[in-house]
Amino acid sequence: MTIATTPQPPYYAVIFTSLRQDGDHGYAEMAQRMIDLAREQPGFLGVESVRDGLGITVSYWASPEAIRAWKENGFHREAQTRAADWYAAFRVRVCKVEREYGF
């Protein structure tokens, strides 16, 4: 995984922070499927993800409408119904990115 290449702000970030349940229960396959599907969605800008006990995935989007459309995507909704199989706890935070800098 690499640092996502994003446009000049403003754009939006969805931060998904999670603690996993024990066992895979189909998680790895579904997680890859969701990343692949998100990349096909209008308004998707990129994704960054890390897991070392605590998992953090940040997806970047062009607009709040693109985020809503992704949340309502049928395959994504199917994955959401399995959250209790995979996560002991999770939080979703939606943010507007107003500044970005780095090298």
Protein backbone atom coordinates (compact mmCIF):
# COMPACT_ATOMS: atom_id res chain seq x y z
CA MET A 1 0.00 0.00 0.00
CA THR A 2 1.20 3.53 -0.69
CA ILE A 3 0.20 7.04 0.33
CA ALA A 4 -2.86 8.03 -1.70
CA THR A 5 -2.39 10.70 -4.34
CA THR A 6 -5.21 13.18 -3.78
CA PRO A 7 -6.19 16.42 -5.52
CA GLN A 8 -5.83 19.87 -4.02
CA PRO A 9 -8.31 20.35 -1.15
CA PRO A 10 -11.10 20.57 -0.45
CA TYR A 11 -12.11 16.91 -0.65
CA TYR A 12 -13.47 14.47 1.92
CA ALA A 13 -12.09 11.62 4.03
CA VAL A 14 -13.93 8.70 5.60
CA ILE A 15 -11.91 7.30 8.51
CA PHE A 16 -12.84 3.75 9.51
CA THR A 17 -11.18 2.67 12.77
CA SER A 18 -11.72 -0.88 13.98
CA LEU A 19 -10.81 -3.67 16.37
CA ARG A 20 -11.19 -7.13 14.82
CA GLN A 21 -12.87 -10.21 16.24
CA ASP A 22 -10.75 -13.37 16.45
CA GLY A 23 -10.68 -15.38 13.21
CA ASP A 24 -11.06 -14.35 9.60
CA HIS A 25 -14.69 -15.36 8.89
CA GLY A 26 -14.27 -14.29 5.24
CA TYR A 27 -12.93 -10.86 6.21
CA ALA A 28 -9.80 -10.78 4.02
CA GLU A 29 -11.71 -11.63 0.86
CA MET A 30 -14.50 -9.14 1.58
CA ALA A 31 -12.05 -6.37 2.53
CA GLN A 32 -10.24 -6.74 -0.82
CA ARG A 33 -13.57 -6.87 -2.65
CA MET A 34 -14.67 -3.61 -0.97
CA ILE A 35 -11.40 -1.84 -1.90
CA ASP A 36 -11.72 -3.00 -5.51
CA LEU A 37 -15.37 -1.93 -5.66
CA ALA A 38 -14.70 1.46 -4.03
CA ARG A 39 -12.08 2.19 -6.70
CA GLU A 40 -14.82 1.87 -9.33
CA GLN A 41 -17.17 4.36 -7.64
CA PRO A 42 -17.64 7.89 -9.03
CA GLY A 43 -15.87 10.39 -6.79
CA PHE A 44 -13.42 7.90 -5.25
CA LEU A 45 -9.97 9.49 -4.89
CA GLY A 46 -7.87 6.91 -3.03
CA VAL A 47 -7.42 4.79 0.07
CA GLU A 48 -4.83 4.16 2.78
CA SER A 49 -5.04 1.31 5.27
CA VAL A 50 -3.02 -0.16 8.13
CA ARG A 51 -3.69 -2.88 10.67
CA ASP A 52 -1.58 -3.74 13.69
CA GLY A 53 -4.16 -4.64 16.28
CA LEU A 54 -6.04 -1.41 15.71
CA GLY A 55 -7.06 -1.01 12.07
CA ILE A 56 -7.40 2.34 10.34
CA THR A 57 -8.62 2.74 6.77
CA VAL A 58 -9.00 6.20 5.27
CA SER A 59 -10.82 6.54 1.98
CA TYR A 60 -10.85 9.83 0.09
CA TRP A 61 -13.82 11.17 -1.85
CA ALA A 62 -14.63 14.15 -4.06
CA SER A 63 -17.92 15.03 -2.36
CA PRO A 64 -20.39 14.13 0.40
CA GLU A 65 -22.70 12.80 -2.34
CA ALA A 66 -20.01 10.33 -3.48
CA ILE A 67 -19.63 9.15 0.13
CA ARG A 68 -23.40 8.67 0.48
CA ALA A 69 -23.56 6.75 -2.79
CA TRP A 70 -20.77 4.44 -1.58
CA LYS A 71 -22.51 3.91 1.78
CA GLU A 72 -25.70 2.93 -0.10
CA ASN A 73 -23.97 0.66 -2.66
CA GLY A 74 -25.68 -2.75 -2.54
CA PHE A 75 -22.48 -4.80 -2.20
CA HIS A 76 -21.14 -2.40 0.43
CA ARG A 77 -24.43 -2.66 2.35
CA GLU A 78 -24.10 -6.45 2.23
CA ALA A 79 -20.65 -6.20 3.84
CA GLN A 80 -22.03 -3.81 6.47
CA THR A 81 -24.52 -6.47 7.59
CA ARG A 82 -21.57 -8.72 8.52
CA ALA A 83 -19.83 -6.14 10.73
CA ALA A 84 -20.48 -8.11 13.94
CA ASP A 85 -18.74 -11.17 12.40
CA TRP A 86 -15.54 -9.21 11.86
CA TYR A 87 -15.34 -6.36 14.37
CA ALA A 88 -15.35 -6.16 18.16
CA ALA A 89 -15.78 -2.39 17.76
CA PHE A 90 -15.57 0.24 15.03
CA ARG A 91 -16.08 3.93 14.35
CA VAL A 92 -16.68 5.80 11.10
CA ARG A 93 -15.75 9.47 10.90
CA VAL A 94 -16.39 11.71 7.89
CA CYS A 95 -14.23 14.81 7.50
CA LYS A 96 -13.67 17.64 5.07
CA VAL A 97 -9.99 17.97 4.17
CA GLU A 98 -9.17 21.67 4.00
CA ARG A 99 -5.35 21.53 3.96
CA GLU A 100 -2.75 19.05 2.83
CA TYR A 101 1.03 19.18 2.83
CA GLY A 102 3.98 16.84 2.83
CA PHE A 103 6.79 15.52 0.66
